[in-house]
Amino acid sequence: MLGIMGPNSRILIEKLSGADLSNEAFPFGTGKEIEIGYAKLCASRITYVGELGWELYMPAEFSTHIYDKIIDIAADLDLKHAGYFAMDSCRVEKGYRHWGHDITDEDTPIEAGLNFAVDYDKSCGFIGRDALLKKRDLGIAKRRLVQICLEDDNDKSPLMYHE
């Protein structure tokens, strides 16, 4: 899988594939088969960094070919390589939670800052609904996931992960 994310990701993949990647033709959370060079691959419009992007899934034997095609046009679009820690920092900044690192089964959606994602009125209900409603209505939370911004412009400043 190659992740192409950022403000120029749509332009880059459209140039490579000729596919229509507009919001109307390719909504968030959908996947489509596209072609890049001589390879067919599955493009999934999803991103874990909080920016426009796609994950490109392909057989391993096509990965070098597709990567080379990307690099061939990348300079014109200000493409940058990013590692895992850079991506992790982006998702933390966006507020995307990582199961097992940021939140676990011991955290409620309220504590995790995910109350907006709970459908309290769903027709079939859910286990724990009444307890969660009580916590929500009374403002009860044993702990709260927060972000801390370090005001240090030094490139060697510490990274803060986990509890």
N, C-alpha and C. Protein backbone atom coordinates (compact mmCIF):
# COMPACT_ATOMS: atom_id res chain seq x y z
N MET A 1 0.85 -1.17 0.00
CA MET A 1 0.00 0.00 0.00
C MET A 1 0.89 1.23 0.00
N LEU A 2 0.56 2.17 -0.84
CA LEU A 2 1.21 3.47 -0.84
C LEU A 2 0.16 4.50 -0.47
N GLY A 3 0.47 5.35 0.49
CA GLY A 3 -0.44 6.41 0.89
C GLY A 3 -0.04 7.70 0.22
N ILE A 4 -0.97 8.29 -0.50
CA ILE A 4 -0.76 9.59 -1.14
C ILE A 4 -1.72 10.55 -0.47
N MET A 5 -1.17 11.47 0.34
CA MET A 5 -2.01 12.34 1.14
C MET A 5 -1.49 13.77 1.09
N GLY A 6 -2.38 14.70 1.14
CA GLY A 6 -2.01 16.10 1.14
C GLY A 6 -2.80 16.88 0.11
N PRO A 7 -2.61 18.19 0.11
CA PRO A 7 -3.44 19.06 -0.75
C PRO A 7 -3.29 18.79 -2.24
N ASN A 8 -2.19 18.20 -2.67
CA ASN A 8 -1.98 17.92 -4.10
C ASN A 8 -2.20 16.46 -4.45
N SER A 9 -2.70 15.66 -3.51
CA SER A 9 -2.86 14.23 -3.77
C SER A 9 -3.84 13.95 -4.91
N ARG A 10 -4.93 14.69 -4.98
CA ARG A 10 -5.90 14.48 -6.06
C ARG A 10 -5.27 14.77 -7.41
N ILE A 11 -4.56 15.89 -7.51
CA ILE A 11 -3.92 16.27 -8.77
C ILE A 11 -2.91 15.20 -9.19
N LEU A 12 -2.10 14.74 -8.25
CA LEU A 12 -1.07 13.75 -8.55
C LEU A 12 -1.68 12.46 -9.09
N ILE A 13 -2.68 11.93 -8.40
CA ILE A 13 -3.26 10.65 -8.81
C ILE A 13 -4.06 10.81 -10.11
N GLU A 14 -4.72 11.95 -10.29
CA GLU A 14 -5.44 12.18 -11.55
C GLU A 14 -4.45 12.22 -12.72
N LYS A 15 -3.31 12.87 -12.54
CA LYS A 15 -2.30 12.91 -13.60
C LYS A 15 -1.79 11.51 -13.92
N LEU A 16 -1.60 10.70 -12.90
CA LEU A 16 -1.07 9.35 -13.09
C LEU A 16 -2.07 8.41 -13.73
N SER A 17 -3.34 8.54 -13.35
CA SER A 17 -4.34 7.55 -13.74
C SER A 17 -5.33 8.01 -14.80
N GLY A 18 -5.52 9.31 -14.90
CA GLY A 18 -6.56 9.82 -15.79
C GLY A 18 -7.96 9.66 -15.21
N ALA A 19 -8.06 9.13 -13.99
CA ALA A 19 -9.37 8.90 -13.35
C ALA A 19 -9.92 10.21 -12.81
N ASP A 20 -11.24 10.28 -12.73
CA ASP A 20 -11.92 11.42 -12.13
C ASP A 20 -11.95 11.20 -10.62
N LEU A 21 -11.23 12.01 -9.88
CA LEU A 21 -11.16 11.88 -8.43
C LEU A 21 -11.91 13.01 -7.72
N SER A 22 -12.82 13.65 -8.41
CA SER A 22 -13.61 14.73 -7.80
C SER A 22 -14.44 14.18 -6.64
N ASN A 23 -14.90 15.07 -5.79
CA ASN A 23 -15.74 14.66 -4.66
C ASN A 23 -16.99 13.93 -5.13
N GLU A 24 -17.56 14.37 -6.24
CA GLU A 24 -18.78 13.75 -6.75
C GLU A 24 -18.50 12.35 -7.30
N ALA A 25 -17.41 12.19 -8.01
CA ALA A 25 -17.10 10.91 -8.64
C ALA A 25 -16.45 9.92 -7.68
N PHE A 26 -15.80 10.45 -6.64
CA PHE A 26 -15.03 9.59 -5.74
C PHE A 26 -15.17 10.12 -4.32
N PRO A 27 -16.34 9.90 -3.67
CA PRO A 27 -16.58 10.43 -2.33
C PRO A 27 -15.67 9.81 -1.28
N PHE A 28 -15.51 10.52 -0.18
CA PHE A 28 -14.72 10.02 0.95
C PHE A 28 -15.25 8.67 1.41
N GLY A 29 -14.35 7.76 1.73
CA GLY A 29 -14.73 6.46 2.23
C GLY A 29 -15.07 5.44 1.16
N THR A 30 -14.86 5.76 -0.11
CA THR A 30 -15.15 4.82 -1.18
C THR A 30 -13.85 4.31 -1.80
N GLY A 31 -13.97 3.26 -2.56
CA GLY A 31 -12.82 2.69 -3.27
C GLY A 31 -13.18 2.40 -4.71
N LYS A 32 -12.17 2.48 -5.57
CA LYS A 32 -12.38 2.20 -6.98
C LYS A 32 -11.11 1.58 -7.55
N GLU A 33 -11.29 0.82 -8.61
CA GLU A 33 -10.15 0.30 -9.34
C GLU A 33 -9.69 1.37 -10.33
N ILE A 34 -8.40 1.66 -10.33
CA ILE A 34 -7.83 2.62 -11.28
C ILE A 34 -6.59 1.98 -11.89
N GLU A 35 -6.07 2.61 -12.93
CA GLU A 35 -4.84 2.14 -13.56
C GLU A 35 -3.77 3.22 -13.46
N ILE A 36 -2.58 2.79 -13.13
CA ILE A 36 -1.40 3.66 -13.16
C ILE A 36 -0.34 2.89 -13.92
N GLY A 37 0.12 3.47 -15.03
CA GLY A 37 1.07 2.75 -15.88
C GLY A 37 0.44 1.46 -16.36
N TYR A 38 1.15 0.34 -16.21
CA TYR A 38 0.61 -0.94 -16.63
C TYR A 38 -0.03 -1.72 -15.48
N ALA A 39 -0.32 -1.05 -14.37
CA ALA A 39 -0.85 -1.74 -13.19
C ALA A 39 -2.29 -1.31 -12.89
N LYS A 40 -3.09 -2.29 -12.54
CA LYS A 40 -4.42 -2.02 -11.99
C LYS A 40 -4.29 -2.10 -10.47
N LEU A 41 -4.93 -1.16 -9.80
CA LEU A 41 -4.86 -1.15 -8.34
C LEU A 41 -6.16 -0.64 -7.77
N CYS A 42 -6.33 -0.85 -6.48
CA CYS A 42 -7.51 -0.35 -5.78
C CYS A 42 -7.13 0.93 -5.06
N ALA A 43 -7.83 2.00 -5.38
CA ALA A 43 -7.62 3.28 -4.70
C ALA A 43 -8.74 3.47 -3.69
N SER A 44 -8.38 3.73 -2.47
CA SER A 44 -9.35 3.95 -1.40
C SER A 44 -9.21 5.37 -0.91
N ARG A 45 -10.30 6.14 -1.01
CA ARG A 45 -10.23 7.53 -0.56
C ARG A 45 -10.45 7.58 0.95
N ILE A 46 -9.34 7.50 1.63
CA ILE A 46 -9.34 7.50 3.08
C ILE A 46 -7.99 8.05 3.52
N THR A 47 -7.95 8.62 4.66
CA THR A 47 -6.68 9.11 5.16
C THR A 47 -6.72 9.12 6.67
N TYR A 48 -5.60 8.84 7.24
CA TYR A 48 -5.49 8.79 8.70
C TYR A 48 -4.75 10.02 9.21
N VAL A 49 -4.46 10.96 8.32
CA VAL A 49 -3.68 12.13 8.74
C VAL A 49 -4.51 13.42 8.75
N GLY A 50 -5.79 13.34 8.41
CA GLY A 50 -6.63 14.52 8.47
C GLY A 50 -6.53 15.42 7.26
N GLU A 51 -6.06 14.90 6.16
CA GLU A 51 -5.87 15.67 4.93
C GLU A 51 -6.44 14.85 3.78
N LEU A 52 -6.78 15.49 2.69
CA LEU A 52 -7.23 14.79 1.49
C LEU A 52 -6.21 13.70 1.15
N GLY A 53 -6.70 12.50 0.80
CA GLY A 53 -5.74 11.47 0.45
C GLY A 53 -6.35 10.16 0.03
N TRP A 54 -5.49 9.30 -0.49
CA TRP A 54 -5.87 7.98 -0.96
C TRP A 54 -4.83 6.97 -0.50
N GLU A 55 -5.30 5.75 -0.27
CA GLU A 55 -4.41 4.61 -0.08
C GLU A 55 -4.51 3.80 -1.36
N LEU A 56 -3.36 3.48 -1.93
CA LEU A 56 -3.31 2.73 -3.17
C LEU A 56 -2.84 1.31 -2.87
N TYR A 57 -3.72 0.35 -3.11
CA TYR A 57 -3.43 -1.05 -2.85
C TYR A 57 -3.13 -1.75 -4.17
N MET A 58 -2.00 -2.45 -4.20
CA MET A 58 -1.58 -3.11 -5.43
C MET A 58 -0.82 -4.38 -5.10
N PRO A 59 -0.74 -5.31 -6.05
CA PRO A 59 0.14 -6.46 -5.85
C PRO A 59 1.58 -5.98 -5.71
N ALA A 60 2.35 -6.65 -4.87
CA ALA A 60 3.73 -6.24 -4.58
C ALA A 60 4.56 -6.08 -5.85
N GLU A 61 4.33 -6.92 -6.84
CA GLU A 61 5.16 -6.85 -8.06
C GLU A 61 4.97 -5.56 -8.84
N PHE A 62 3.91 -4.80 -8.57
CA PHE A 62 3.69 -3.53 -9.26
C PHE A 62 4.14 -2.32 -8.43
N SER A 63 4.51 -2.53 -7.19
CA SER A 63 4.78 -1.40 -6.29
C SER A 63 5.94 -0.53 -6.75
N THR A 64 7.02 -1.11 -7.23
CA THR A 64 8.16 -0.32 -7.70
C THR A 64 7.77 0.50 -8.92
N HIS A 65 7.06 -0.13 -9.85
CA HIS A 65 6.61 0.57 -11.06
C HIS A 65 5.73 1.78 -10.70
N ILE A 66 4.76 1.58 -9.81
CA ILE A 66 3.86 2.66 -9.41
C ILE A 66 4.63 3.74 -8.65
N TYR A 67 5.49 3.34 -7.74
CA TYR A 67 6.30 4.30 -6.99
C TYR A 67 7.14 5.15 -7.96
N ASP A 68 7.77 4.52 -8.93
CA ASP A 68 8.58 5.26 -9.91
C ASP A 68 7.74 6.25 -10.70
N LYS A 69 6.53 5.85 -11.07
CA LYS A 69 5.62 6.76 -11.78
C LYS A 69 5.28 7.98 -10.91
N ILE A 70 5.04 7.74 -9.64
CA ILE A 70 4.75 8.83 -8.71
C ILE A 70 5.93 9.79 -8.62
N ILE A 71 7.11 9.25 -8.43
CA ILE A 71 8.32 10.07 -8.29
C ILE A 71 8.60 10.86 -9.56
N ASP A 72 8.28 10.30 -10.73
CA ASP A 72 8.52 10.98 -11.99
C ASP A 72 7.81 12.33 -12.07
N ILE A 73 6.62 12.44 -11.48
CA ILE A 73 5.88 13.71 -11.57
C ILE A 73 5.82 14.44 -10.24
N ALA A 74 6.43 13.89 -9.22
CA ALA A 74 6.29 14.42 -7.86
C ALA A 74 6.91 15.80 -7.67
N ALA A 75 8.01 16.08 -8.31
CA ALA A 75 8.71 17.35 -8.08
C ALA A 75 7.82 18.55 -8.41
N ASP A 76 7.01 18.43 -9.44
CA ASP A 76 6.12 19.53 -9.83
C ASP A 76 5.01 19.78 -8.81
N LEU A 77 4.75 18.81 -7.95
CA LEU A 77 3.62 18.91 -7.02
C LEU A 77 4.08 18.99 -5.56
N ASP A 78 5.34 19.21 -5.34
CA ASP A 78 5.89 19.40 -3.99
C ASP A 78 5.67 18.17 -3.11
N LEU A 79 5.82 16.98 -3.70
CA LEU A 79 5.66 15.74 -2.94
C LEU A 79 6.80 15.59 -1.95
N LYS A 80 6.47 15.14 -0.75
CA LYS A 80 7.45 14.85 0.30
C LYS A 80 7.21 13.45 0.81
N HIS A 81 8.28 12.74 1.11
CA HIS A 81 8.15 11.44 1.77
C HIS A 81 7.90 11.69 3.25
N ALA A 82 7.07 10.86 3.84
CA ALA A 82 6.78 10.98 5.27
C ALA A 82 6.86 9.61 5.91
N GLY A 83 7.45 9.56 7.07
CA GLY A 83 7.56 8.32 7.80
C GLY A 83 6.41 8.14 8.78
N TYR A 84 6.49 7.04 9.50
CA TYR A 84 5.43 6.68 10.43
C TYR A 84 5.22 7.73 11.51
N PHE A 85 6.30 8.25 12.09
CA PHE A 85 6.14 9.22 13.18
C PHE A 85 5.54 10.53 12.67
N ALA A 86 5.87 10.92 11.46
CA ALA A 86 5.26 12.13 10.88
C ALA A 86 3.76 11.91 10.70
N MET A 87 3.38 10.76 10.17
CA MET A 87 1.96 10.45 9.99
C MET A 87 1.26 10.38 11.34
N ASP A 88 1.91 9.79 12.33
CA ASP A 88 1.32 9.69 13.66
C ASP A 88 1.10 11.09 14.25
N SER A 89 2.06 11.97 14.07
CA SER A 89 1.91 13.34 14.57
C SER A 89 0.75 14.05 13.89
N CYS A 90 0.59 13.83 12.59
CA CYS A 90 -0.53 14.45 11.86
C CYS A 90 -1.86 13.96 12.37
N ARG A 91 -1.99 12.67 12.61
CA ARG A 91 -3.27 12.14 13.07
C ARG A 91 -3.57 12.60 14.49
N VAL A 92 -2.54 12.74 15.33
CA VAL A 92 -2.76 13.25 16.68
C VAL A 92 -3.24 14.69 16.61
N GLU A 93 -2.59 15.48 15.76
CA GLU A 93 -2.97 16.89 15.60
C GLU A 93 -4.41 17.01 15.10
N LYS A 94 -4.82 16.12 14.22
CA LYS A 94 -6.19 16.14 13.69
C LYS A 94 -7.20 15.64 14.71
N GLY A 95 -6.73 14.89 15.71
CA GLY A 95 -7.64 14.35 16.71
C GLY A 95 -8.14 12.96 16.38
N TYR A 96 -7.52 12.29 15.43
CA TYR A 96 -7.89 10.92 15.11
C TYR A 96 -7.31 9.99 16.16
N ARG A 97 -8.15 9.12 16.71
CA ARG A 97 -7.74 8.23 17.79
C ARG A 97 -7.14 6.93 17.23
N HIS A 98 -6.17 6.41 17.93
CA HIS A 98 -5.56 5.13 17.57
C HIS A 98 -5.89 4.13 18.65
N TRP A 99 -6.65 3.10 18.27
CA TRP A 99 -7.07 2.08 19.22
C TRP A 99 -5.83 1.36 19.75
N GLY A 100 -5.75 1.26 21.06
CA GLY A 100 -4.64 0.58 21.70
C GLY A 100 -3.53 1.50 22.14
N HIS A 101 -3.46 2.67 21.54
CA HIS A 101 -2.46 3.66 21.95
C HIS A 101 -3.11 4.84 22.65
N ASP A 102 -4.07 5.46 21.99
CA ASP A 102 -4.74 6.62 22.58
C ASP A 102 -5.93 6.20 23.43
N ILE A 103 -6.65 5.22 22.96
CA ILE A 103 -7.86 4.76 23.65
C ILE A 103 -7.89 3.24 23.69
N THR A 104 -8.60 2.71 24.69
CA THR A 104 -8.79 1.26 24.82
C THR A 104 -10.23 1.01 25.21
N ASP A 105 -10.54 -0.23 25.52
CA ASP A 105 -11.89 -0.57 25.95
C ASP A 105 -12.19 -0.05 27.35
N GLU A 106 -11.21 0.53 28.02
CA GLU A 106 -11.43 1.12 29.34
C GLU A 106 -11.86 2.58 29.27
N ASP A 107 -11.85 3.17 28.08
CA ASP A 107 -12.24 4.56 27.88
C ASP A 107 -13.65 4.63 27.32
N THR A 108 -14.43 5.57 27.82
CA THR A 108 -15.74 5.80 27.23
C THR A 108 -15.59 6.75 26.05
N PRO A 109 -16.57 6.79 25.14
CA PRO A 109 -16.50 7.76 24.05
C PRO A 109 -16.42 9.20 24.58
N ILE A 110 -17.02 9.45 25.73
CA ILE A 110 -16.97 10.79 26.32
C ILE A 110 -15.54 11.14 26.71
N GLU A 111 -14.86 10.22 27.39
CA GLU A 111 -13.48 10.44 27.81
C GLU A 111 -12.55 10.56 26.62
N ALA A 112 -12.85 9.83 25.54
CA ALA A 112 -12.00 9.83 24.36
C ALA A 112 -12.26 11.01 23.43
N GLY A 113 -13.25 11.84 23.78
CA GLY A 113 -13.59 12.96 22.89
C GLY A 113 -14.36 12.52 21.66
N LEU A 114 -15.02 11.39 21.75
CA LEU A 114 -15.75 10.84 20.60
C LEU A 114 -17.26 10.82 20.80
N ASN A 115 -17.75 11.60 21.73
CA ASN A 115 -19.19 11.63 22.00
C ASN A 115 -19.99 12.00 20.75
N PHE A 116 -19.42 12.82 19.87
CA PHE A 116 -20.11 13.22 18.65
C PHE A 116 -20.42 12.02 17.75
N ALA A 117 -19.72 10.93 17.93
CA ALA A 117 -19.87 9.76 17.07
C ALA A 117 -20.87 8.74 17.63
N VAL A 118 -21.46 9.03 18.77
CA VAL A 118 -22.39 8.10 19.41
C VAL A 118 -23.82 8.44 19.00
N ASP A 119 -24.55 7.45 18.51
CA ASP A 119 -25.96 7.63 18.17
C ASP A 119 -26.80 7.11 19.33
N TYR A 120 -27.10 7.98 20.27
CA TYR A 120 -27.87 7.59 21.45
C TYR A 120 -29.29 7.17 21.11
N ASP A 121 -29.80 7.59 19.96
CA ASP A 121 -31.19 7.33 19.59
C ASP A 121 -31.35 6.21 18.57
N LYS A 122 -30.32 5.42 18.33
CA LYS A 122 -30.46 4.35 17.34
C LYS A 122 -31.55 3.38 17.77
N SER A 123 -32.30 2.89 16.81
CA SER A 123 -33.51 2.11 17.10
C SER A 123 -33.25 0.84 17.89
N CYS A 124 -32.13 0.21 17.71
CA CYS A 124 -31.86 -1.05 18.41
C CYS A 124 -31.13 -0.84 19.73
N GLY A 125 -30.78 0.42 20.04
CA GLY A 125 -30.06 0.70 21.28
C GLY A 125 -28.67 0.10 21.26
N PHE A 126 -28.00 0.07 22.39
CA PHE A 126 -26.70 -0.57 22.49
C PHE A 126 -26.37 -0.82 23.95
N ILE A 127 -25.51 -1.79 24.20
CA ILE A 127 -25.11 -2.14 25.56
C ILE A 127 -24.35 -0.96 26.16
N GLY A 128 -24.75 -0.55 27.34
CA GLY A 128 -24.09 0.56 28.02
C GLY A 128 -24.70 1.91 27.74
N ARG A 129 -25.76 1.95 26.93
CA ARG A 129 -26.38 3.23 26.55
C ARG A 129 -26.81 4.03 27.77
N ASP A 130 -27.52 3.40 28.69
CA ASP A 130 -28.04 4.13 29.85
C ASP A 130 -26.91 4.69 30.72
N ALA A 131 -25.88 3.89 30.95
CA ALA A 131 -24.75 4.36 31.75
C ALA A 131 -24.03 5.51 31.05
N LEU A 132 -23.89 5.42 29.74
CA LEU A 132 -23.22 6.48 28.98
C LEU A 132 -24.06 7.76 28.97
N LEU A 133 -25.37 7.62 28.83
CA LEU A 133 -26.25 8.79 28.90
C LEU A 133 -26.13 9.49 30.25
N LYS A 134 -26.08 8.71 31.31
CA LYS A 134 -25.96 9.28 32.66
C LYS A 134 -24.64 10.06 32.78
N LYS A 135 -23.56 9.45 32.32
CA LYS A 135 -22.26 10.13 32.38
C LYS A 135 -22.27 11.40 31.53
N ARG A 136 -22.88 11.30 30.35
CA ARG A 136 -22.95 12.47 29.48
C ARG A 136 -23.75 13.59 30.12
N ASP A 137 -24.93 13.25 30.65
CA ASP A 137 -25.83 14.26 31.21
C ASP A 137 -25.30 14.87 32.50
N LEU A 138 -24.55 14.10 33.29
CA LEU A 138 -24.00 14.60 34.55
C LEU A 138 -22.58 15.17 34.39
N GLY A 139 -22.02 14.98 33.19
CA GLY A 139 -20.66 15.47 32.97
C GLY A 139 -19.62 14.66 33.72
N ILE A 140 -19.89 13.38 33.90
CA ILE A 140 -18.97 12.52 34.66
C ILE A 140 -17.93 11.92 33.72
N ALA A 141 -16.68 12.17 33.99
CA ALA A 141 -15.58 11.55 33.25
C ALA A 141 -14.40 11.41 34.20
N LYS A 142 -13.92 10.19 34.36
CA LYS A 142 -12.79 9.96 35.25
C LYS A 142 -11.51 10.56 34.68
N ARG A 143 -11.42 10.57 33.38
CA ARG A 143 -10.26 11.14 32.71
C ARG A 143 -10.67 11.65 31.34
N ARG A 144 -9.78 12.37 30.71
CA ARG A 144 -10.09 12.99 29.43
C ARG A 144 -8.85 12.99 28.56
N LEU A 145 -8.98 12.56 27.30
CA LEU A 145 -7.89 12.60 26.35
C LEU A 145 -7.69 14.05 25.92
N VAL A 146 -6.49 14.56 26.10
CA VAL A 146 -6.18 15.93 25.71
C VAL A 146 -4.89 15.94 24.89
N GLN A 147 -4.70 17.01 24.18
CA GLN A 147 -3.47 17.19 23.43
C GLN A 147 -2.67 18.31 24.07
N ILE A 148 -1.36 18.18 24.01
CA ILE A 148 -0.47 19.19 24.55
C ILE A 148 0.40 19.71 23.42
N CYS A 149 0.47 21.00 23.30
CA CYS A 149 1.31 21.62 22.29
C CYS A 149 2.57 22.17 22.96
N LEU A 150 3.72 21.66 22.54
CA LEU A 150 4.99 22.16 23.07
C LEU A 150 5.40 23.38 22.26
N GLU A 151 5.71 24.45 22.93
CA GLU A 151 6.12 25.67 22.24
C GLU A 151 7.64 25.69 22.14
N ASP A 152 8.15 24.85 21.24
CA ASP A 152 9.59 24.73 21.04
C ASP A 152 9.82 24.56 19.54
N ASP A 153 10.52 25.50 18.93
CA ASP A 153 10.78 25.43 17.50
C ASP A 153 11.98 24.55 17.16
N ASN A 154 12.61 23.98 18.16
CA ASN A 154 13.77 23.15 17.96
C ASN A 154 13.36 21.83 17.29
N ASP A 155 14.02 21.46 16.21
CA ASP A 155 13.71 20.21 15.51
C ASP A 155 13.99 18.98 16.37
N LYS A 156 14.71 19.15 17.43
CA LYS A 156 15.06 18.02 18.30
C LYS A 156 14.18 17.99 19.56
N SER A 157 13.07 18.72 19.54
CA SER A 157 12.19 18.72 20.71
C SER A 157 11.59 17.33 20.89
N PRO A 158 11.22 16.99 22.12
CA PRO A 158 10.73 15.63 22.39
C PRO A 158 9.37 15.36 21.77
N LEU A 159 9.16 14.11 21.43
CA LEU A 159 7.85 13.67 20.98
C LEU A 159 7.13 13.08 22.17
N MET A 160 5.85 13.37 22.28
CA MET A 160 5.08 12.89 23.43
C MET A 160 4.00 11.95 22.93
N TYR A 161 4.12 10.68 23.30
CA TYR A 161 3.14 9.68 22.91
C TYR A 161 2.67 8.92 24.14
N HIS A 162 1.46 8.45 24.07
CA HIS A 162 0.83 7.61 25.08
C HIS A 162 0.56 8.38 26.36
N GLU A 163 0.33 7.66 27.44
CA GLU A 163 -0.04 8.29 28.71
C GLU A 163 1.18 8.86 29.40
